[in-house]
Amino acid sequence: KEASIPPTPDFVRREAEILALLEAPFAPRLLAFEDGERPLLV
């Protein structure tokens, strides 16, 4: 998921923070995250 349209870049950053803490069968596994003008969540 590559976010470029405001305010979704902040949403993706927040989601990466949550998933980095949350390892549970009811959430997808975080594989990678890259911040920047267009944050990328994998």
PDB file of all heavy atoms in Angstrom:
ATOM      1  N   LYS A   1       0.864  -1.179   0.000  1.00  0.00           N
ATOM      2  CA  LYS A   1       0.000   0.000   0.000  1.00  0.00           C
ATOM      3  C   LYS A   1       0.901   1.229   0.000  1.00  0.00           C
ATOM      4  O   LYS A   1       1.683   1.442   0.924  1.00  0.00           O
ATOM      5  CB  LYS A   1      -0.889  -0.002   1.245  1.00  0.00           C
ATOM      6  CG  LYS A   1      -1.813   1.192   1.377  1.00  0.00           C
ATOM      7  CD  LYS A   1      -2.423   1.295   2.773  1.00  0.00           C
ATOM      8  CE  LYS A   1      -3.179   0.046   3.170  1.00  0.00           C
ATOM      9  NZ  LYS A   1      -3.897   0.244   4.474  1.00  0.00           N
ATOM     10  N   GLU A   2       0.813   2.033  -1.072  1.00  0.00           N
ATOM     11  CA  GLU A   2       1.604   3.249  -1.170  1.00  0.00           C
ATOM     12  C   GLU A   2       0.668   4.442  -1.051  1.00  0.00           C
ATOM     13  O   GLU A   2      -0.254   4.604  -1.852  1.00  0.00           O
ATOM     14  CB  GLU A   2       2.355   3.302  -2.507  1.00  0.00           C
ATOM     15  CG  GLU A   2       3.305   4.484  -2.609  1.00  0.00           C
ATOM     16  CD  GLU A   2       4.063   4.484  -3.935  1.00  0.00           C
ATOM     17  OE1 GLU A   2       3.389   4.591  -4.979  1.00  0.00           O
ATOM     18  OE2 GLU A   2       5.295   4.364  -3.920  1.00  0.00           O
ATOM     19  N   ALA A   3       0.894   5.269  -0.036  1.00  0.00           N
ATOM     20  CA  ALA A   3      -0.019   6.369   0.257  1.00  0.00           C
ATOM     21  C   ALA A   3       0.547   7.688  -0.245  1.00  0.00           C
ATOM     22  O   ALA A   3       1.673   8.047   0.071  1.00  0.00           O
ATOM     23  CB  ALA A   3      -0.265   6.452   1.757  1.00  0.00           C
ATOM     24  N   SER A   4      -0.250   8.402  -1.026  1.00  0.00           N
ATOM     25  CA  SER A   4       0.193   9.686  -1.554  1.00  0.00           C
ATOM     26  C   SER A   4      -0.843  10.786  -1.373  1.00  0.00           C
ATOM     27  O   SER A   4      -0.513  11.967  -1.472  1.00  0.00           O
ATOM     28  CB  SER A   4       0.534   9.559  -3.046  1.00  0.00           C
ATOM     29  OG  SER A   4      -0.602   9.113  -3.773  1.00  0.00           O
ATOM     30  N   ILE A   5      -2.102  10.427  -1.124  1.00  0.00           N
ATOM     31  CA  ILE A   5      -3.180  11.406  -1.051  1.00  0.00           C
ATOM     32  C   ILE A   5      -3.439  11.757   0.406  1.00  0.00           C
ATOM     33  O   ILE A   5      -3.814  10.889   1.199  1.00  0.00           O
ATOM     34  CB  ILE A   5      -4.465  10.852  -1.694  1.00  0.00           C
ATOM     35  CG1 ILE A   5      -4.194  10.408  -3.140  1.00  0.00           C
ATOM     36  CG2 ILE A   5      -5.573  11.889  -1.654  1.00  0.00           C
ATOM     37  CD1 ILE A   5      -5.366   9.717  -3.791  1.00  0.00           C
ATOM     38  N   PRO A   6      -3.230  13.013   0.819  1.00  0.00           N
ATOM     39  CA  PRO A   6      -3.475  13.393   2.208  1.00  0.00           C
ATOM     40  C   PRO A   6      -4.925  13.105   2.595  1.00  0.00           C
ATOM     41  O   PRO A   6      -5.823  13.274   1.754  1.00  0.00           O
ATOM     42  CB  PRO A   6      -3.190  14.894   2.233  1.00  0.00           C
ATOM     43  CG  PRO A   6      -2.306  15.125   1.045  1.00  0.00           C
ATOM     44  CD  PRO A   6      -2.759  14.137   0.016  1.00  0.00           C
ATOM     45  N   PRO A   7      -5.188  12.687   3.855  1.00  0.00           N
ATOM     46  CA  PRO A   7      -4.234  12.499   4.955  1.00  0.00           C
ATOM     47  C   PRO A   7      -3.725  11.060   5.075  1.00  0.00           C
ATOM     48  O   PRO A   7      -3.205  10.680   6.109  1.00  0.00           O
ATOM     49  CB  PRO A   7      -5.085  12.848   6.179  1.00  0.00           C
ATOM     50  CG  PRO A   7      -6.442  12.330   5.810  1.00  0.00           C
ATOM     51  CD  PRO A   7      -6.592  12.555   4.319  1.00  0.00           C
ATOM     52  N   THR A   8      -3.865  10.270   3.998  1.00  0.00           N
ATOM     53  CA  THR A   8      -3.552   8.850   4.126  1.00  0.00           C
ATOM     54  C   THR A   8      -2.079   8.537   4.407  1.00  0.00           C
ATOM     55  O   THR A   8      -1.802   7.481   4.984  1.00  0.00           O
ATOM     56  CB  THR A   8      -4.031   8.070   2.888  1.00  0.00           C
ATOM     57  OG1 THR A   8      -3.503   8.691   1.706  1.00  0.00           O
ATOM     58  CG2 THR A   8      -5.549   8.062   2.818  1.00  0.00           C
ATOM     59  N   PRO A   9      -1.097   9.377   4.022  1.00  0.00           N
ATOM     60  CA  PRO A   9       0.263   9.049   4.454  1.00  0.00           C
ATOM     61  C   PRO A   9       0.401   8.905   5.968  1.00  0.00           C
ATOM     62  O   PRO A   9       1.073   7.996   6.459  1.00  0.00           O
ATOM     63  CB  PRO A   9       1.080  10.222   3.907  1.00  0.00           C
ATOM     64  CG  PRO A   9       0.357  10.615   2.665  1.00  0.00           C
ATOM     65  CD  PRO A   9      -1.091  10.490   3.040  1.00  0.00           C
ATOM     66  N   ASP A  10      -0.276   9.772   6.701  1.00  0.00           N
ATOM     67  CA  ASP A  10      -0.240   9.645   8.163  1.00  0.00           C
ATOM     68  C   ASP A  10      -0.957   8.388   8.624  1.00  0.00           C
ATOM     69  O   ASP A  10      -0.558   7.755   9.614  1.00  0.00           O
ATOM     70  CB  ASP A  10      -0.865  10.874   8.822  1.00  0.00           C
ATOM     71  CG  ASP A  10       0.034  12.092   8.763  1.00  0.00           C
ATOM     72  OD1 ASP A  10       1.259  11.917   8.600  1.00  0.00           O
ATOM     73  OD2 ASP A  10      -0.484  13.218   8.878  1.00  0.00           O
ATOM     74  N   PHE A  11      -2.026   8.007   7.921  1.00  0.00           N
ATOM     75  CA  PHE A  11      -2.731   6.779   8.277  1.00  0.00           C
ATOM     76  C   PHE A  11      -1.812   5.566   8.116  1.00  0.00           C
ATOM     77  O   PHE A  11      -1.793   4.663   8.974  1.00  0.00           O
ATOM     78  CB  PHE A  11      -3.967   6.585   7.390  1.00  0.00           C
ATOM     79  CG  PHE A  11      -5.052   7.601   7.595  1.00  0.00           C
ATOM     80  CD1 PHE A  11      -6.115   7.677   6.717  1.00  0.00           C
ATOM     81  CD2 PHE A  11      -5.021   8.491   8.663  1.00  0.00           C
ATOM     82  CE1 PHE A  11      -7.128   8.611   6.895  1.00  0.00           C
ATOM     83  CE2 PHE A  11      -6.027   9.427   8.850  1.00  0.00           C
ATOM     84  CZ  PHE A  11      -7.086   9.482   7.960  1.00  0.00           C
ATOM     85  N   VAL A  12      -1.053   5.522   7.025  1.00  0.00           N
ATOM     86  CA  VAL A  12      -0.163   4.393   6.777  1.00  0.00           C
ATOM     87  C   VAL A  12       0.952   4.355   7.821  1.00  0.00           C
ATOM     88  O   VAL A  12       1.334   3.277   8.302  1.00  0.00           O
ATOM     89  CB  VAL A  12       0.401   4.463   5.350  1.00  0.00           C
ATOM     90  CG1 VAL A  12       1.546   3.480   5.164  1.00  0.00           C
ATOM     91  CG2 VAL A  12      -0.705   4.169   4.334  1.00  0.00           C
ATOM     92  N   ARG A  13       1.473   5.509   8.176  1.00  0.00           N
ATOM     93  CA  ARG A  13       2.500   5.536   9.236  1.00  0.00           C
ATOM     94  C   ARG A  13       1.943   4.981  10.537  1.00  0.00           C
ATOM     95  O   ARG A  13       2.605   4.196  11.231  1.00  0.00           O
ATOM     96  CB  ARG A  13       2.991   6.972   9.434  1.00  0.00           C
ATOM     97  CG  ARG A  13       3.740   7.552   8.243  1.00  0.00           C
ATOM     98  CD  ARG A  13       4.259   8.953   8.540  1.00  0.00           C
ATOM     99  NE  ARG A  13       4.884   9.526   7.352  1.00  0.00           N
ATOM    100  CZ  ARG A  13       4.301  10.440   6.573  1.00  0.00           C
ATOM    101  NH1 ARG A  13       3.102  10.916   6.884  1.00  0.00           N
ATOM    102  NH2 ARG A  13       4.932  10.890   5.506  1.00  0.00           N
ATOM    103  N   ARG A  14       0.728   5.390  10.867  1.00  0.00           N
ATOM    104  CA  ARG A  14       0.117   4.914  12.112  1.00  0.00           C
ATOM    105  C   ARG A  14      -0.144   3.411  12.050  1.00  0.00           C
ATOM    106  O   ARG A  14       0.088   2.693  13.029  1.00  0.00           O
ATOM    107  CB  ARG A  14      -1.189   5.669  12.351  1.00  0.00           C
ATOM    108  CG  ARG A  14      -1.982   5.234  13.556  1.00  0.00           C
ATOM    109  CD  ARG A  14      -1.212   5.425  14.839  1.00  0.00           C
ATOM    110  NE  ARG A  14      -2.030   5.081  15.990  1.00  0.00           N
ATOM    111  CZ  ARG A  14      -1.536   4.852  17.203  1.00  0.00           C
ATOM    112  NH1 ARG A  14      -0.232   4.932  17.403  1.00  0.00           N
ATOM    113  NH2 ARG A  14      -2.334   4.544  18.203  1.00  0.00           N
ATOM    114  N   GLU A  15      -0.608   2.925  10.909  1.00  0.00           N
ATOM    115  CA  GLU A  15      -0.866   1.493  10.774  1.00  0.00           C
ATOM    116  C   GLU A  15       0.416   0.690  10.932  1.00  0.00           C
ATOM    117  O   GLU A  15       0.433  -0.371  11.574  1.00  0.00           O
ATOM    118  CB  GLU A  15      -1.511   1.199   9.421  1.00  0.00           C
ATOM    119  CG  GLU A  15      -1.900  -0.257   9.255  1.00  0.00           C
ATOM    120  CD  GLU A  15      -2.642  -0.536   7.967  1.00  0.00           C
ATOM    121  OE1 GLU A  15      -2.785   0.389   7.137  1.00  0.00           O
ATOM    122  OE2 GLU A  15      -3.074  -1.685   7.784  1.00  0.00           O
ATOM    123  N   ALA A  16       1.511   1.183  10.376  1.00  0.00           N
ATOM    124  CA  ALA A  16       2.795   0.492  10.524  1.00  0.00           C
ATOM    125  C   ALA A  16       3.214   0.426  11.986  1.00  0.00           C
ATOM    126  O   ALA A  16       3.724  -0.602  12.457  1.00  0.00           O
ATOM    127  CB  ALA A  16       3.865   1.200   9.706  1.00  0.00           C
ATOM    128  N   GLU A  17       2.985   1.508  12.733  1.00  0.00           N
ATOM    129  CA  GLU A  17       3.317   1.510  14.155  1.00  0.00           C
ATOM    130  C   GLU A  17       2.525   0.454  14.917  1.00  0.00           C
ATOM    131  O   GLU A  17       3.067  -0.274  15.759  1.00  0.00           O
ATOM    132  CB  GLU A  17       3.035   2.888  14.755  1.00  0.00           C
ATOM    133  CG  GLU A  17       3.950   3.995  14.274  1.00  0.00           C
ATOM    134  CD  GLU A  17       3.533   5.345  14.828  1.00  0.00           C
ATOM    135  OE1 GLU A  17       2.562   5.392  15.614  1.00  0.00           O
ATOM    136  OE2 GLU A  17       4.163   6.355  14.473  1.00  0.00           O
ATOM    137  N   ILE A  18       1.238   0.376  14.613  1.00  0.00           N
ATOM    138  CA  ILE A  18       0.382  -0.587  15.313  1.00  0.00           C
ATOM    139  C   ILE A  18       0.777  -2.014  14.961  1.00  0.00           C
ATOM    140  O   ILE A  18       0.946  -2.872  15.846  1.00  0.00           O
ATOM    141  CB  ILE A  18      -1.097  -0.343  14.961  1.00  0.00           C
ATOM    142  CG1 ILE A  18      -1.550   1.030  15.456  1.00  0.00           C
ATOM    143  CG2 ILE A  18      -1.974  -1.450  15.544  1.00  0.00           C
ATOM    144  CD1 ILE A  18      -1.524   1.211  16.939  1.00  0.00           C
ATOM    145  N   LEU A  19       0.938  -2.306  13.670  1.00  0.00           N
ATOM    146  CA  LEU A  19       1.226  -3.675  13.261  1.00  0.00           C
ATOM    147  C   LEU A  19       2.614  -4.123  13.706  1.00  0.00           C
ATOM    148  O   LEU A  19       2.853  -5.323  13.883  1.00  0.00           O
ATOM    149  CB  LEU A  19       1.083  -3.810  11.741  1.00  0.00           C
ATOM    150  CG  LEU A  19      -0.349  -3.676  11.212  1.00  0.00           C
ATOM    151  CD1 LEU A  19      -0.373  -3.772   9.702  1.00  0.00           C
ATOM    152  CD2 LEU A  19      -1.260  -4.730  11.830  1.00  0.00           C
ATOM    153  N   ALA A  20       3.537  -3.173  13.904  1.00  0.00           N
ATOM    154  CA  ALA A  20       4.851  -3.548  14.422  1.00  0.00           C
ATOM    155  C   ALA A  20       4.756  -4.080  15.849  1.00  0.00           C
ATOM    156  O   ALA A  20       5.596  -4.872  16.289  1.00  0.00           O
ATOM    157  CB  ALA A  20       5.791  -2.340  14.382  1.00  0.00           C
ATOM    158  N   LEU A  21       3.713  -3.671  16.575  1.00  0.00           N
ATOM    159  CA  LEU A  21       3.509  -4.122  17.950  1.00  0.00           C
ATOM    160  C   LEU A  21       2.565  -5.313  18.042  1.00  0.00           C
ATOM    161  O   LEU A  21       2.564  -6.025  19.048  1.00  0.00           O
ATOM    162  CB  LEU A  21       2.928  -2.972  18.791  1.00  0.00           C
ATOM    163  CG  LEU A  21       3.772  -1.704  18.907  1.00  0.00           C
ATOM    164  CD1 LEU A  21       2.953  -0.614  19.614  1.00  0.00           C
ATOM    165  CD2 LEU A  21       5.054  -1.985  19.668  1.00  0.00           C
ATOM    166  N   LEU A  22       1.755  -5.498  17.002  1.00  0.00           N
ATOM    167  CA  LEU A  22       0.659  -6.452  17.070  1.00  0.00           C
ATOM    168  C   LEU A  22       0.971  -7.696  16.249  1.00  0.00           C
ATOM    169  O   LEU A  22       0.939  -7.673  15.018  1.00  0.00           O
ATOM    170  CB  LEU A  22      -0.625  -5.796  16.546  1.00  0.00           C
ATOM    171  CG  LEU A  22      -1.911  -6.618  16.602  1.00  0.00           C
ATOM    172  CD1 LEU A  22      -2.247  -7.000  18.033  1.00  0.00           C
ATOM    173  CD2 LEU A  22      -3.061  -5.840  15.974  1.00  0.00           C
ATOM    174  N   GLU A  23       1.286  -8.776  16.918  1.00  0.00           N
ATOM    175  CA  GLU A  23       1.443 -10.068  16.265  1.00  0.00           C
ATOM    176  C   GLU A  23       0.314 -10.962  16.738  1.00  0.00           C
ATOM    177  O   GLU A  23       0.357 -11.504  17.841  1.00  0.00           O
ATOM    178  CB  GLU A  23       2.810 -10.678  16.597  1.00  0.00           C
ATOM    179  CG  GLU A  23       3.986  -9.882  16.037  1.00  0.00           C
ATOM    180  CD  GLU A  23       5.307 -10.580  16.279  1.00  0.00           C
ATOM    181  OE1 GLU A  23       5.288 -11.775  16.632  1.00  0.00           O
ATOM    182  OE2 GLU A  23       6.355  -9.936  16.119  1.00  0.00           O
ATOM    183  N   ALA A  24      -0.708 -11.079  15.916  1.00  0.00           N
ATOM    184  CA  ALA A  24      -1.909 -11.803  16.314  1.00  0.00           C
ATOM    185  C   ALA A  24      -2.548 -12.408  15.079  1.00  0.00           C
ATOM    186  O   ALA A  24      -2.412 -11.874  13.972  1.00  0.00           O
ATOM    187  CB  ALA A  24      -2.894 -10.851  17.008  1.00  0.00           C
ATOM    188  N   PRO A  25      -3.270 -13.520  15.247  1.00  0.00           N
ATOM    189  CA  PRO A  25      -3.895 -14.161  14.076  1.00  0.00           C
ATOM    190  C   PRO A  25      -5.013 -13.341  13.472  1.00  0.00           C
ATOM    191  O   PRO A  25      -5.447 -13.643  12.358  1.00  0.00           O
ATOM    192  CB  PRO A  25      -4.418 -15.486  14.653  1.00  0.00           C
ATOM    193  CG  PRO A  25      -4.577 -15.232  16.120  1.00  0.00           C
ATOM    194  CD  PRO A  25      -3.481 -14.287  16.487  1.00  0.00           C
ATOM    195  N   PHE A  26      -5.475 -12.298  14.162  1.00  0.00           N
ATOM    196  CA  PHE A  26      -6.559 -11.477  13.620  1.00  0.00           C
ATOM    197  C   PHE A  26      -6.051 -10.243  12.896  1.00  0.00           C
ATOM    198  O   PHE A  26      -6.834  -9.352  12.537  1.00  0.00           O
ATOM    199  CB  PHE A  26      -7.546 -11.078  14.722  1.00  0.00           C
ATOM    200  CG  PHE A  26      -6.914 -10.435  15.929  1.00  0.00           C
ATOM    201  CD1 PHE A  26      -6.413  -9.146  15.890  1.00  0.00           C
ATOM    202  CD2 PHE A  26      -6.844 -11.139  17.127  1.00  0.00           C
ATOM    203  CE1 PHE A  26      -5.853  -8.556  17.003  1.00  0.00           C
ATOM    204  CE2 PHE A  26      -6.270 -10.562  18.245  1.00  0.00           C
ATOM    205  CZ  PHE A  26      -5.780  -9.260  18.191  1.00  0.00           C
ATOM    206  N   ALA A  27      -4.726 -10.149  12.652  1.00  0.00           N
ATOM    207  CA  ALA A  27      -4.156  -9.019  11.925  1.00  0.00           C
ATOM    208  C   ALA A  27      -3.122  -9.523  10.926  1.00  0.00           C
ATOM    209  O   ALA A  27      -2.455 -10.531  11.172  1.00  0.00           O
ATOM    210  CB  ALA A  27      -3.509  -8.032  12.897  1.00  0.00           C
ATOM    211  N   PRO A  28      -2.941  -8.846   9.791  1.00  0.00           N
ATOM    212  CA  PRO A  28      -1.915  -9.275   8.823  1.00  0.00           C
ATOM    213  C   PRO A  28      -0.514  -9.037   9.372  1.00  0.00           C
ATOM    214  O   PRO A  28      -0.288  -8.124  10.173  1.00  0.00           O
ATOM    215  CB  PRO A  28      -2.194  -8.394   7.604  1.00  0.00           C
ATOM    216  CG  PRO A  28      -2.856  -7.186   8.162  1.00  0.00           C
ATOM    217  CD  PRO A  28      -3.666  -7.648   9.335  1.00  0.00           C
ATOM    218  N   ARG A  29       0.433  -9.844   8.928  1.00  0.00           N
ATOM    219  CA  ARG A  29       1.825  -9.678   9.348  1.00  0.00           C
ATOM    220  C   ARG A  29       2.458  -8.509   8.599  1.00  0.00           C
ATOM    221  O   ARG A  29       2.317  -8.380   7.388  1.00  0.00           O
ATOM    222  CB  ARG A  29       2.629 -10.950   9.082  1.00  0.00           C
ATOM    223  CG  ARG A  29       2.322 -12.096  10.027  1.00  0.00           C
ATOM    224  CD  ARG A  29       3.267 -13.250   9.808  1.00  0.00           C
ATOM    225  NE  ARG A  29       3.176 -13.795   8.459  1.00  0.00           N
ATOM    226  CZ  ARG A  29       4.130 -13.727   7.548  1.00  0.00           C
ATOM    227  NH1 ARG A  29       5.272 -13.112   7.818  1.00  0.00           N
ATOM    228  NH2 ARG A  29       3.952 -14.266   6.348  1.00  0.00           N
ATOM    229  N   LEU A  30       3.157  -7.675   9.347  1.00  0.00           N
ATOM    230  CA  LEU A  30       3.918  -6.587   8.749  1.00  0.00           C
ATOM    231  C   LEU A  30       5.229  -7.142   8.208  1.00  0.00           C
ATOM    232  O   LEU A  30       6.021  -7.727   8.948  1.00  0.00           O
ATOM    233  CB  LEU A  30       4.190  -5.509   9.800  1.00  0.00           C
ATOM    234  CG  LEU A  30       5.097  -4.353   9.375  1.00  0.00           C
ATOM    235  CD1 LEU A  30       4.439  -3.523   8.282  1.00  0.00           C
ATOM    236  CD2 LEU A  30       5.444  -3.486  10.589  1.00  0.00           C
ATOM    237  N   LEU A  31       5.472  -6.967   6.911  1.00  0.00           N
ATOM    238  CA  LEU A  31       6.706  -7.446   6.295  1.00  0.00           C
ATOM    239  C   LEU A  31       7.754  -6.350   6.169  1.00  0.00           C
ATOM    240  O   LEU A  31       8.951  -6.620   6.324  1.00  0.00           O
ATOM    241  CB  LEU A  31       6.406  -8.036   4.910  1.00  0.00           C
ATOM    242  CG  LEU A  31       5.405  -9.198   4.870  1.00  0.00           C
ATOM    243  CD1 LEU A  31       5.227  -9.691   3.436  1.00  0.00           C
ATOM    244  CD2 LEU A  31       5.841 -10.333   5.778  1.00  0.00           C
ATOM    245  N   ALA A  32       7.328  -5.134   5.890  1.00  0.00           N
ATOM    246  CA  ALA A  32       8.283  -4.037   5.736  1.00  0.00           C
ATOM    247  C   ALA A  32       7.525  -2.720   5.725  1.00  0.00           C
ATOM    248  O   ALA A  32       6.316  -2.665   5.432  1.00  0.00           O
ATOM    249  CB  ALA A  32       9.090  -4.188   4.442  1.00  0.00           C
ATOM    250  N   PHE A  33       8.254  -1.652   6.020  1.00  0.00           N
ATOM    251  CA  PHE A  33       7.682  -0.308   5.962  1.00  0.00           C
ATOM    252  C   PHE A  33       8.783   0.669   5.591  1.00  0.00           C
ATOM    253  O   PHE A  33       9.914   0.569   6.081  1.00  0.00           O
ATOM    254  CB  PHE A  33       7.070   0.097   7.300  1.00  0.00           C
ATOM    255  CG  PHE A  33       6.622   1.536   7.342  1.00  0.00           C
ATOM    256  CD1 PHE A  33       5.543   1.957   6.589  1.00  0.00           C
ATOM    257  CD2 PHE A  33       7.302   2.468   8.115  1.00  0.00           C
ATOM    258  CE1 PHE A  33       5.137   3.286   6.603  1.00  0.00           C
ATOM    259  CE2 PHE A  33       6.902   3.802   8.143  1.00  0.00           C
ATOM    260  CZ  PHE A  33       5.812   4.206   7.390  1.00  0.00           C
ATOM    261  N   GLU A  34       8.448   1.593   4.700  1.00  0.00           N
ATOM    262  CA  GLU A  34       9.377   2.655   4.333  1.00  0.00           C
ATOM    263  C   GLU A  34       8.640   3.984   4.380  1.00  0.00           C
ATOM    264  O   GLU A  34       7.625   4.171   3.712  1.00  0.00           O
ATOM    265  CB  GLU A  34       9.938   2.428   2.924  1.00  0.00           C
ATOM    266  CG  GLU A  34      10.967   3.470   2.509  1.00  0.00           C
ATOM    267  CD  GLU A  34      11.569   3.168   1.153  1.00  0.00           C
ATOM    268  OE1 GLU A  34      10.815   3.205   0.145  1.00  0.00           O
ATOM    269  OE2 GLU A  34      12.775   2.872   1.099  1.00  0.00           O
ATOM    270  N   ASP A  35       9.159   4.900   5.186  1.00  0.00           N
ATOM    271  CA  ASP A  35       8.543   6.214   5.310  1.00  0.00           C
ATOM    272  C   ASP A  35       9.034   7.122   4.187  1.00  0.00           C
ATOM    273  O   ASP A  35       9.883   6.743   3.378  1.00  0.00           O
ATOM    274  CB  ASP A  35       8.849   6.805   6.682  1.00  0.00           C
ATOM    275  CG  ASP A  35       7.771   7.781   7.140  1.00  0.00           C
ATOM    276  OD1 ASP A  35       6.983   8.244   6.295  1.00  0.00           O
ATOM    277  OD2 ASP A  35       7.731   8.084   8.347  1.00  0.00           O
ATOM    278  N   GLY A  36       8.503   8.319   4.157  1.00  0.00           N
ATOM    279  CA  GLY A  36       8.888   9.269   3.125  1.00  0.00           C
ATOM    280  C   GLY A  36       7.671  10.043   2.665  1.00  0.00           C
ATOM    281  O   GLY A  36       6.604  10.011   3.299  1.00  0.00           O
ATOM    282  N   GLU A  37       7.800  10.732   1.554  1.00  0.00           N
ATOM    283  CA  GLU A  37       6.676  11.505   1.021  1.00  0.00           C
ATOM    284  C   GLU A  37       5.500  10.607   0.680  1.00  0.00           C
ATOM    285  O   GLU A  37       4.339  10.998   0.826  1.00  0.00           O
ATOM    286  CB  GLU A  37       7.133  12.270  -0.220  1.00  0.00           C
ATOM    287  CG  GLU A  37       6.074  13.198  -0.793  1.00  0.00           C
ATOM    288  CD  GLU A  37       6.582  13.994  -1.981  1.00  0.00           C
ATOM    289  OE1 GLU A  37       7.813  13.999  -2.208  1.00  0.00           O
ATOM    290  OE2 GLU A  37       5.749  14.610  -2.683  1.00  0.00           O
ATOM    291  N   ARG A  38       5.795   9.381   0.228  1.00  0.00           N
ATOM    292  CA  ARG A  38       4.760   8.385  -0.075  1.00  0.00           C
ATOM    293  C   ARG A  38       5.086   7.118   0.722  1.00  0.00           C
ATOM    294  O   ARG A  38       5.736   6.198   0.212  1.00  0.00           O
ATOM    295  CB  ARG A  38       4.706   8.086  -1.569  1.00  0.00           C
ATOM    296  CG  ARG A  38       4.211   9.258  -2.411  1.00  0.00           C
ATOM    297  CD  ARG A  38       4.285   8.944  -3.883  1.00  0.00           C
ATOM    298  NE  ARG A  38       5.672   8.723  -4.307  1.00  0.00           N
ATOM    299  CZ  ARG A  38       6.021   8.275  -5.511  1.00  0.00           C
ATOM    300  NH1 ARG A  38       5.092   7.970  -6.396  1.00  0.00           N
ATOM    301  NH2 ARG A  38       7.295   8.119  -5.806  1.00  0.00           N
ATOM    302  N   PRO A  39       4.663   7.052   1.968  1.00  0.00           N
ATOM    303  CA  PRO A  39       4.977   5.883   2.792  1.00  0.00           C
ATOM    304  C   PRO A  39       4.479   4.590   2.135  1.00  0.00           C
ATOM    305  O   PRO A  39       3.409   4.564   1.512  1.00  0.00           O
ATOM    306  CB  PRO A  39       4.225   6.154   4.101  1.00  0.00           C
ATOM    307  CG  PRO A  39       4.028   7.631   4.122  1.00  0.00           C
ATOM    308  CD  PRO A  39       3.859   8.043   2.691  1.00  0.00           C
ATOM    309  N   LEU A  40       5.279   3.548   2.279  1.00  0.00           N
ATOM    310  CA  LEU A  40       4.944   2.247   1.693  1.00  0.00           C
ATOM    311  C   LEU A  40       4.835   1.209   2.797  1.00  0.00           C
ATOM    312  O   LEU A  40       5.774   1.001   3.573  1.00  0.00           O
ATOM    313  CB  LEU A  40       6.018   1.818   0.696  1.00  0.00           C
ATOM    314  CG  LEU A  40       5.759   0.471  -0.001  1.00  0.00           C
ATOM    315  CD1 LEU A  40       4.634   0.618  -1.026  1.00  0.00           C
ATOM    316  CD2 LEU A  40       7.027  -0.044  -0.672  1.00  0.00           C
ATOM    317  N   LEU A  41       3.697   0.555   2.855  1.00  0.00           N
ATOM    318  CA  LEU A  41       3.448  -0.506   3.818  1.00  0.00           C
ATOM    319  C   LEU A  41       3.381  -1.827   3.069  1.00  0.00           C
ATOM    320  O   LEU A  41       2.640  -1.952   2.093  1.00  0.00           O
ATOM    321  CB  LEU A  41       2.120  -0.243   4.538  1.00  0.00           C
ATOM    322  CG  LEU A  41       1.733  -1.153   5.691  1.00  0.00           C
ATOM    323  CD1 LEU A  41       2.651  -0.930   6.885  1.00  0.00           C
ATOM    324  CD2 LEU A  41       0.282  -0.883   6.097  1.00  0.00           C
ATOM    325  N   VAL A  42       4.160  -2.817   3.505  1.00  0.00           N
ATOM    326  CA  VAL A  42       4.180  -4.125   2.859  1.00  0.00           C
ATOM    327  C   VAL A  42       3.727  -5.165   3.881  1.00  0.00           C
ATOM    328  O   VAL A  42       4.336  -5.308   4.951  1.00  0.00           O
ATOM    329  CB  VAL A  42       5.578  -4.484   2.323  1.00  0.00           C
ATOM    330  CG1 VAL A  42       5.523  -5.797   1.548  1.00  0.00           C
ATOM    331  CG2 VAL A  42       6.122  -3.368   1.443  1.00  0.00           C
TER     332      VAL A  42
END
